[in-house]
């Protein structure tokens, strides 16, 4: 083949081809909504509190909570908390207050009875949004 012939070979015209043509309009819309939801949820973070939260674990607890500083919505799984002391209560209450003031929403996921009792006894349930 010569160059002239090679230049005249028609390549498939891919411009204007819809890669989602096989999908129905409702499926395309659902996909678009899913993408938007994922973009909105990208500022959501979930964390799981350790089972023991005492002064010994305070640095680890603070680090765990600090890692959510850029999130607009934080889900805290406190279902595994079996023991906590005043240091942990103070760290959690301080975190909750600071994050709330910065516009984040905090959602508790299954807080353990130990955690609930500790904050209730100290009169801090409302301070961390647990009633």
Protein backbone atom coordinates (compact mmCIF):
# COMPACT_ATOMS: atom_id res chain seq x y z
CA UNK A 1 0.00 0.00 0.00
CA UNK A 2 1.15 3.46 -0.65
CA UNK A 3 0.77 6.44 1.67
CA UNK A 4 -2.05 7.92 -0.33
CA UNK A 5 -4.13 4.77 0.05
CA UNK A 6 -3.33 4.56 3.76
CA UNK A 7 -4.51 8.13 4.29
CA UNK A 8 -7.80 7.41 2.55
CA UNK A 9 -8.71 4.44 4.76
CA UNK A 10 -11.74 5.48 6.72
CA UNK A 11 -11.39 4.99 10.45
CA UNK A 12 -14.59 4.32 12.33
CA UNK A 13 -16.18 7.60 13.30
CA UNK A 14 -16.39 7.45 17.10
CA UNK A 15 -17.22 11.09 17.64
CA UNK A 16 -20.83 11.40 18.66
CA UNK A 17 -21.19 7.77 19.74
CA UNK A 18 -22.99 7.43 23.06
CA UNK A 19 -21.17 4.83 25.19
CA UNK A 20 -24.32 4.45 27.28
CA UNK A 21 -26.64 3.93 24.31
CA UNK A 22 -27.47 0.44 25.55
CA UNK A 23 -29.02 1.89 28.73
CA UNK A 24 -32.58 3.14 29.04
CA UNK A 25 -33.14 6.80 29.93
CA UNK A 26 -34.29 5.86 33.44
CA UNK A 27 -31.11 3.81 33.99
CA UNK A 28 -29.00 6.76 32.81
CA UNK A 29 -30.85 9.07 35.22
CA UNK A 30 -30.39 6.61 38.10
CA UNK A 31 -26.68 6.43 37.33
CA UNK A 32 -26.44 10.22 37.29
CA UNK A 33 -28.22 10.45 40.66
CA UNK A 34 -25.92 7.80 42.14
CA UNK A 35 -22.86 9.75 41.02
CA UNK A 36 -24.24 12.93 42.62
CA UNK A 37 -24.99 11.11 45.88
CA UNK A 38 -21.48 9.72 45.98
CA UNK A 39 -20.04 13.18 45.42
CA UNK A 40 -22.14 14.57 48.28
CA UNK A 41 -21.15 11.65 50.54
CA UNK A 42 -17.45 12.11 49.82
CA UNK A 43 -17.30 14.42 52.86
CA UNK A 44 -18.74 11.72 55.11
CA UNK A 45 -16.51 9.65 57.33
CA UNK A 46 -17.23 6.75 59.62
CA UNK A 47 -15.12 5.81 62.59
CA UNK A 48 -15.32 3.00 65.10
CA UNK A 49 -14.40 3.69 68.70
CA UNK A 50 -12.21 1.19 70.51
CA UNK A 51 -13.66 -1.02 73.23
CA UNK A 52 -11.48 0.53 75.94
CA UNK A 53 -11.23 4.32 76.10
CA UNK A 54 -9.12 5.41 79.04
CA UNK A 55 -6.34 7.91 79.53
CA UNK A 56 -3.94 5.30 78.10
CA UNK A 57 -5.79 5.35 74.78
CA UNK A 58 -6.37 9.11 74.77
CA UNK A 59 -3.70 9.85 72.17
CA UNK A 60 -5.07 7.18 69.84
CA UNK A 61 -8.63 8.44 70.41
CA UNK A 62 -7.63 12.03 69.66
CA UNK A 63 -5.85 10.92 66.49
CA UNK A 64 -8.88 8.91 65.36
CA UNK A 65 -11.19 11.85 65.90
CA UNK A 66 -8.76 14.36 64.39
CA UNK A 67 -8.71 12.36 61.15
CA UNK A 68 -12.34 13.40 60.59
CA UNK A 69 -11.59 17.14 60.71
CA UNK A 70 -12.35 17.67 57.01
CA UNK A 71 -15.60 15.70 57.04
CA UNK A 72 -18.95 17.45 56.98
CA UNK A 73 -20.74 14.39 58.33
CA UNK A 74 -19.21 11.92 60.79
CA UNK A 75 -20.75 8.63 61.83
CA UNK A 76 -19.32 7.34 65.11
CA UNK A 77 -19.80 3.66 65.79
CA UNK A 78 -19.65 3.37 69.59
CA UNK A 79 -21.17 -0.08 69.83
CA UNK A 80 -17.95 -1.73 71.03
CA UNK A 81 -17.21 0.66 73.92
CA UNK A 82 -16.97 -1.41 77.10
CA UNK A 83 -14.94 0.91 79.31
CA UNK A 84 -14.24 4.63 79.34
CA UNK A 85 -12.97 7.12 81.84
CA UNK A 86 -13.25 10.86 82.39
CA UNK A 87 -10.35 11.58 80.01
CA UNK A 88 -12.16 9.85 77.14
CA UNK A 89 -15.44 11.57 78.01
CA UNK A 90 -13.67 14.94 77.92
CA UNK A 91 -12.01 14.19 74.57
CA UNK A 92 -15.28 13.03 73.00
CA UNK A 93 -17.26 16.00 74.36
CA UNK A 94 -14.60 18.46 73.19
CA UNK A 95 -14.48 16.85 69.75
CA UNK A 96 -18.27 16.93 69.42
CA UNK A 97 -18.43 20.61 70.38
CA UNK A 98 -15.59 21.64 68.05
CA UNK A 99 -16.83 19.62 65.08
CA UNK A 100 -20.38 20.95 65.52
CA UNK A 101 -19.13 24.54 65.71
CA UNK A 102 -17.23 23.96 62.46
CA UNK A 103 -20.46 22.86 60.77
CA UNK A 104 -20.07 19.09 60.85
CA UNK A 105 -22.95 16.84 61.78
CA UNK A 106 -22.20 13.95 64.10
CA UNK A 107 -24.29 10.79 64.04
CA UNK A 108 -23.98 8.13 66.70
CA UNK A 109 -24.28 4.52 65.54
CA UNK A 110 -25.42 2.15 68.27
CA UNK A 111 -23.71 3.75 71.26
CA UNK A 112 -23.07 1.14 73.94
CA UNK A 113 -24.88 1.26 77.26
CA UNK A 114 -21.51 1.96 78.94
CA UNK A 115 -20.99 5.09 76.83
CA UNK A 116 -24.59 6.21 77.30
CA UNK A 117 -24.43 5.71 81.07
CA UNK A 118 -21.12 7.57 81.41
CA UNK A 119 -22.39 10.64 79.60
CA UNK A 120 -25.75 10.52 81.38
CA UNK A 121 -24.16 10.26 84.84
CA UNK A 122 -21.95 13.26 84.05
CA UNK A 123 -24.88 15.22 82.63
CA UNK A 124 -23.27 15.45 79.18
CA UNK A 125 -25.70 13.46 77.04
CA UNK A 126 -27.13 16.56 75.42
CA UNK A 127 -23.62 18.00 74.93
CA UNK A 128 -22.85 15.19 72.49
CA UNK A 129 -26.29 14.92 70.92
CA UNK A 130 -27.40 11.77 72.72
CA UNK A 131 -30.73 12.10 74.47
